[in-house]
Amino acid sequence: MRKRKIVIAVLLLVAGASVARAEPARGSDEYVRYCGACHGEVADGKGPVANVLSPRPPALTELDEKFGSPLGTRLVAYVMGTTMPRAHGTSDMPVWGRNLKEPDGDDTQAVRTIWRIVNYLDSVQEK
């Protein structure tokens, strides 16, 4: 059963990438909606609620150093919450895969949304 879930997750990640790359403007809007309050409208880590968070949210303009360039499936899996190492506890960041999931448990739209955001973030990396 676990193996099947992993295969499905990989397929969703790959499928989501191709769909999301065709919608760059939408990714910017979704970034502001889901990420901007903490990470800032320009991904500088200075969103309106950043001052009250501990630890403070990081700037997202150098993600390519950790996740490679172009940003891809590793970052999508992180934001989806599928690769959070349990030994390190939980993340303070919302696991958007859980939050964006359809009521019937379908991940498809969540994966597409996160891919659009990741593609937007790829465009703001300080290379």
C-alpha atoms as a PDB file:
ATOM      1  CA  MET A   1       0.000   0.000   0.000  1.00  0.00           C
ATOM      2  CA  ARG A   2       2.810   2.447   0.910  1.00  0.00           C
ATOM      3  CA  LYS A   3       4.627   1.686  -2.344  1.00  0.00           C
ATOM      4  CA  ARG A   4       1.457   2.437  -4.308  1.00  0.00           C
ATOM      5  CA  LYS A   5       1.066   5.806  -2.541  1.00  0.00           C
ATOM      6  CA  ILE A   6       4.651   6.718  -3.393  1.00  0.00           C
ATOM      7  CA  VAL A   7       4.149   5.849  -7.077  1.00  0.00           C
ATOM      8  CA  ILE A   8       0.952   7.907  -7.184  1.00  0.00           C
ATOM      9  CA  ALA A   9       2.690  10.835  -5.466  1.00  0.00           C
ATOM     10  CA  VAL A  10       5.541  10.791  -7.990  1.00  0.00           C
ATOM     11  CA  LEU A  11       3.113  10.684 -10.901  1.00  0.00           C
ATOM     12  CA  LEU A  12       1.184  13.614  -9.464  1.00  0.00           C
ATOM     13  CA  LEU A  13       4.371  15.599  -8.970  1.00  0.00           C
ATOM     14  CA  VAL A  14       5.487  15.054 -12.562  1.00  0.00           C
ATOM     15  CA  ALA A  15       2.034  15.700 -14.023  1.00  0.00           C
ATOM     16  CA  GLY A  16       1.637  18.794 -11.903  1.00  0.00           C
ATOM     17  CA  ALA A  17       4.896  20.233 -13.203  1.00  0.00           C
ATOM     18  CA  SER A  18       3.816  20.184 -16.834  1.00  0.00           C
ATOM     19  CA  VAL A  19       0.453  21.782 -16.083  1.00  0.00           C
ATOM     20  CA  ALA A  20       1.855  24.423 -13.755  1.00  0.00           C
ATOM     21  CA  ARG A  21       4.613  25.590 -16.107  1.00  0.00           C
ATOM     22  CA  ALA A  22       1.905  26.799 -18.476  1.00  0.00           C
ATOM     23  CA  GLU A  23       0.447  29.167 -15.836  1.00  0.00           C
ATOM     24  CA  PRO A  24       3.216  31.458 -14.505  1.00  0.00           C
ATOM     25  CA  ALA A  25       1.030  34.486 -13.662  1.00  0.00           C
ATOM     26  CA  ARG A  26      -1.322  32.337 -11.624  1.00  0.00           C
ATOM     27  CA  GLY A  27       1.645  31.039  -9.610  1.00  0.00           C
ATOM     28  CA  SER A  28       2.537  34.585  -8.581  1.00  0.00           C
ATOM     29  CA  ASP A  29      -1.018  35.226  -7.382  1.00  0.00           C
ATOM     30  CA  GLU A  30      -1.120  31.934  -5.498  1.00  0.00           C
ATOM     31  CA  TYR A  31       2.267  32.657  -3.921  1.00  0.00           C
ATOM     32  CA  VAL A  32       0.958  35.969  -2.558  1.00  0.00           C
ATOM     33  CA  ARG A  33      -2.219  34.276  -1.317  1.00  0.00           C
ATOM     34  CA  TYR A  34      -0.620  31.313   0.458  1.00  0.00           C
ATOM     35  CA  CYS A  35       2.941  32.432   1.217  1.00  0.00           C
ATOM     36  CA  GLY A  36       3.119  36.224   1.119  1.00  0.00           C
ATOM     37  CA  ALA A  37       1.883  36.924   4.653  1.00  0.00           C
ATOM     38  CA  CYS A  38       4.925  35.170   6.106  1.00  0.00           C
ATOM     39  CA  HIS A  39       7.565  35.202   3.372  1.00  0.00           C
ATOM     40  CA  GLY A  40       6.708  38.621   1.889  1.00  0.00           C
ATOM     41  CA  GLU A  41       5.198  39.626  -1.430  1.00  0.00           C
ATOM     42  CA  VAL A  42       8.651  39.571  -3.035  1.00  0.00           C
ATOM     43  CA  ALA A  43       9.840  36.425  -1.187  1.00  0.00           C
ATOM     44  CA  ASP A  44      12.230  38.451   0.984  1.00  0.00           C
ATOM     45  CA  GLY A  45      11.084  36.911   4.293  1.00  0.00           C
ATOM     46  CA  LYS A  46       9.482  40.180   5.380  1.00  0.00           C
ATOM     47  CA  GLY A  47       5.770  39.484   5.219  1.00  0.00           C
ATOM     48  CA  PRO A  48       3.334  41.401   7.424  1.00  0.00           C
ATOM     49  CA  VAL A  49       3.258  38.647  10.079  1.00  0.00           C
ATOM     50  CA  ALA A  50       6.963  37.759   9.938  1.00  0.00           C
ATOM     51  CA  ASN A  51       7.813  39.829  13.023  1.00  0.00           C
ATOM     52  CA  VAL A  52       5.559  37.771  15.292  1.00  0.00           C
ATOM     53  CA  LEU A  53       6.825  34.380  14.112  1.00  0.00           C
ATOM     54  CA  SER A  54       9.646  32.514  15.766  1.00  0.00           C
ATOM     55  CA  PRO A  55      11.696  31.460  14.003  1.00  0.00           C
ATOM     56  CA  ARG A  56      11.208  34.138  11.394  1.00  0.00           C
ATOM     57  CA  PRO A  57      10.333  32.911   7.916  1.00  0.00           C
ATOM     58  CA  PRO A  58      13.305  32.785   5.579  1.00  0.00           C
ATOM     59  CA  ALA A  59      13.692  34.661   2.332  1.00  0.00           C
ATOM     60  CA  LEU A  60      12.827  32.345  -0.537  1.00  0.00           C
ATOM     61  CA  THR A  61      15.120  33.934  -3.098  1.00  0.00           C
ATOM     62  CA  GLU A  62      17.971  31.457  -2.557  1.00  0.00           C
ATOM     63  CA  LEU A  63      16.077  28.166  -2.532  1.00  0.00           C
ATOM     64  CA  ASP A  64      18.037  26.968  -5.533  1.00  0.00           C
ATOM     65  CA  GLU A  65      21.094  26.563  -3.277  1.00  0.00           C
ATOM     66  CA  LYS A  66      19.245  23.935  -1.218  1.00  0.00           C
ATOM     67  CA  PHE A  67      16.834  22.442  -3.760  1.00  0.00           C
ATOM     68  CA  GLY A  68      18.758  22.829  -7.034  1.00  0.00           C
ATOM     69  CA  SER A  69      17.971  24.762 -10.168  1.00  0.00           C
ATOM     70  CA  PRO A  70      15.467  24.822 -11.615  1.00  0.00           C
ATOM     71  CA  LEU A  71      13.415  24.286  -8.489  1.00  0.00           C
ATOM     72  CA  GLY A  72      11.467  21.077  -8.785  1.00  0.00           C
ATOM     73  CA  THR A  73      10.063  17.960  -7.223  1.00  0.00           C
ATOM     74  CA  ARG A  74      12.160  18.109  -4.026  1.00  0.00           C
ATOM     75  CA  LEU A  75      10.716  21.507  -3.114  1.00  0.00           C
ATOM     76  CA  VAL A  76       7.193  20.499  -4.145  1.00  0.00           C
ATOM     77  CA  ALA A  77       7.429  17.403  -1.937  1.00  0.00           C
ATOM     78  CA  TYR A  78       8.688  19.547   0.955  1.00  0.00           C
ATOM     79  CA  VAL A  79       5.805  22.024   0.658  1.00  0.00           C
ATOM     80  CA  MET A  80       3.329  19.156   0.222  1.00  0.00           C
ATOM     81  CA  GLY A  81       4.660  17.710   3.478  1.00  0.00           C
ATOM     82  CA  THR A  82       5.662  14.362   2.008  1.00  0.00           C
ATOM     83  CA  THR A  83       9.362  14.671   2.850  1.00  0.00           C
ATOM     84  CA  MET A  84       9.319  16.219   6.320  1.00  0.00           C
ATOM     85  CA  PRO A  85      11.809  14.198   8.361  1.00  0.00           C
ATOM     86  CA  ARG A  86       9.875  13.031  11.427  1.00  0.00           C
ATOM     87  CA  ALA A  87      13.022  12.773  13.553  1.00  0.00           C
ATOM     88  CA  HIS A  88      13.349  16.548  13.312  1.00  0.00           C
ATOM     89  CA  GLY A  89       9.839  17.241  14.602  1.00  0.00           C
ATOM     90  CA  THR A  90       7.249  19.267  12.798  1.00  0.00           C
ATOM     91  CA  SER A  91       7.636  22.369  10.722  1.00  0.00           C
ATOM     92  CA  ASP A  92       6.074  25.642  11.802  1.00  0.00           C
ATOM     93  CA  MET A  93       5.159  26.233   8.181  1.00  0.00           C
ATOM     94  CA  PRO A  94       1.745  24.925   7.191  1.00  0.00           C
ATOM     95  CA  VAL A  95       1.931  21.719   5.216  1.00  0.00           C
ATOM     96  CA  TRP A  96       0.112  23.040   2.185  1.00  0.00           C
ATOM     97  CA  GLY A  97      -0.499  19.635   0.664  1.00  0.00           C
ATOM     98  CA  ARG A  98      -2.768  18.842   3.596  1.00  0.00           C
ATOM     99  CA  ASN A  99      -4.413  22.270   3.556  1.00  0.00           C
ATOM    100  CA  LEU A 100      -5.103  22.333  -0.187  1.00  0.00           C
ATOM    101  CA  LYS A 101      -6.329  18.751  -0.469  1.00  0.00           C
ATOM    102  CA  GLU A 102      -9.860  18.279  -1.761  1.00  0.00           C
ATOM    103  CA  PRO A 103     -12.445  17.052   0.784  1.00  0.00           C
ATOM    104  CA  ASP A 104     -12.439  13.645  -0.933  1.00  0.00           C
ATOM    105  CA  GLY A 105      -8.678  13.358  -0.337  1.00  0.00           C
ATOM    106  CA  ASP A 106      -7.646  14.054  -3.947  1.00  0.00           C
ATOM    107  CA  ASP A 107      -4.172  15.681  -4.097  1.00  0.00           C
ATOM    108  CA  THR A 108      -4.254  16.616  -7.793  1.00  0.00           C
ATOM    109  CA  GLN A 109      -5.263  20.264  -7.414  1.00  0.00           C
ATOM    110  CA  ALA A 110      -2.971  20.760  -4.416  1.00  0.00           C
ATOM    111  CA  VAL A 111      -0.006  19.468  -6.409  1.00  0.00           C
ATOM    112  CA  ARG A 112      -0.820  21.746  -9.352  1.00  0.00           C
ATOM    113  CA  THR A 113      -1.153  24.783  -7.077  1.00  0.00           C
ATOM    114  CA  ILE A 114       2.142  24.065  -5.352  1.00  0.00           C
ATOM    115  CA  TRP A 115       3.885  23.509  -8.703  1.00  0.00           C
ATOM    116  CA  ARG A 116       2.657  26.914  -9.910  1.00  0.00           C
ATOM    117  CA  ILE A 117       4.050  28.503  -6.732  1.00  0.00           C
ATOM    118  CA  VAL A 118       7.373  26.657  -7.085  1.00  0.00           C
ATOM    119  CA  ASN A 119       7.660  27.758 -10.727  1.00  0.00           C
ATOM    120  CA  TYR A 120       7.043  31.337  -9.629  1.00  0.00           C
ATOM    121  CA  LEU A 121       9.702  31.007  -6.926  1.00  0.00           C
ATOM    122  CA  ASP A 122      12.104  29.682  -9.545  1.00  0.00           C
ATOM    123  CA  SER A 123      11.684  32.991 -11.381  1.00  0.00           C
ATOM    124  CA  VAL A 124      12.704  35.067  -8.321  1.00  0.00           C
ATOM    125  CA  GLN A 125      15.889  33.187  -7.401  1.00  0.00           C
ATOM    126  CA  GLU A 126      18.949  35.408  -7.023  1.00  0.00           C
ATOM    127  CA  LYS A 127      21.215  33.551  -9.411  1.00  0.00           C
END
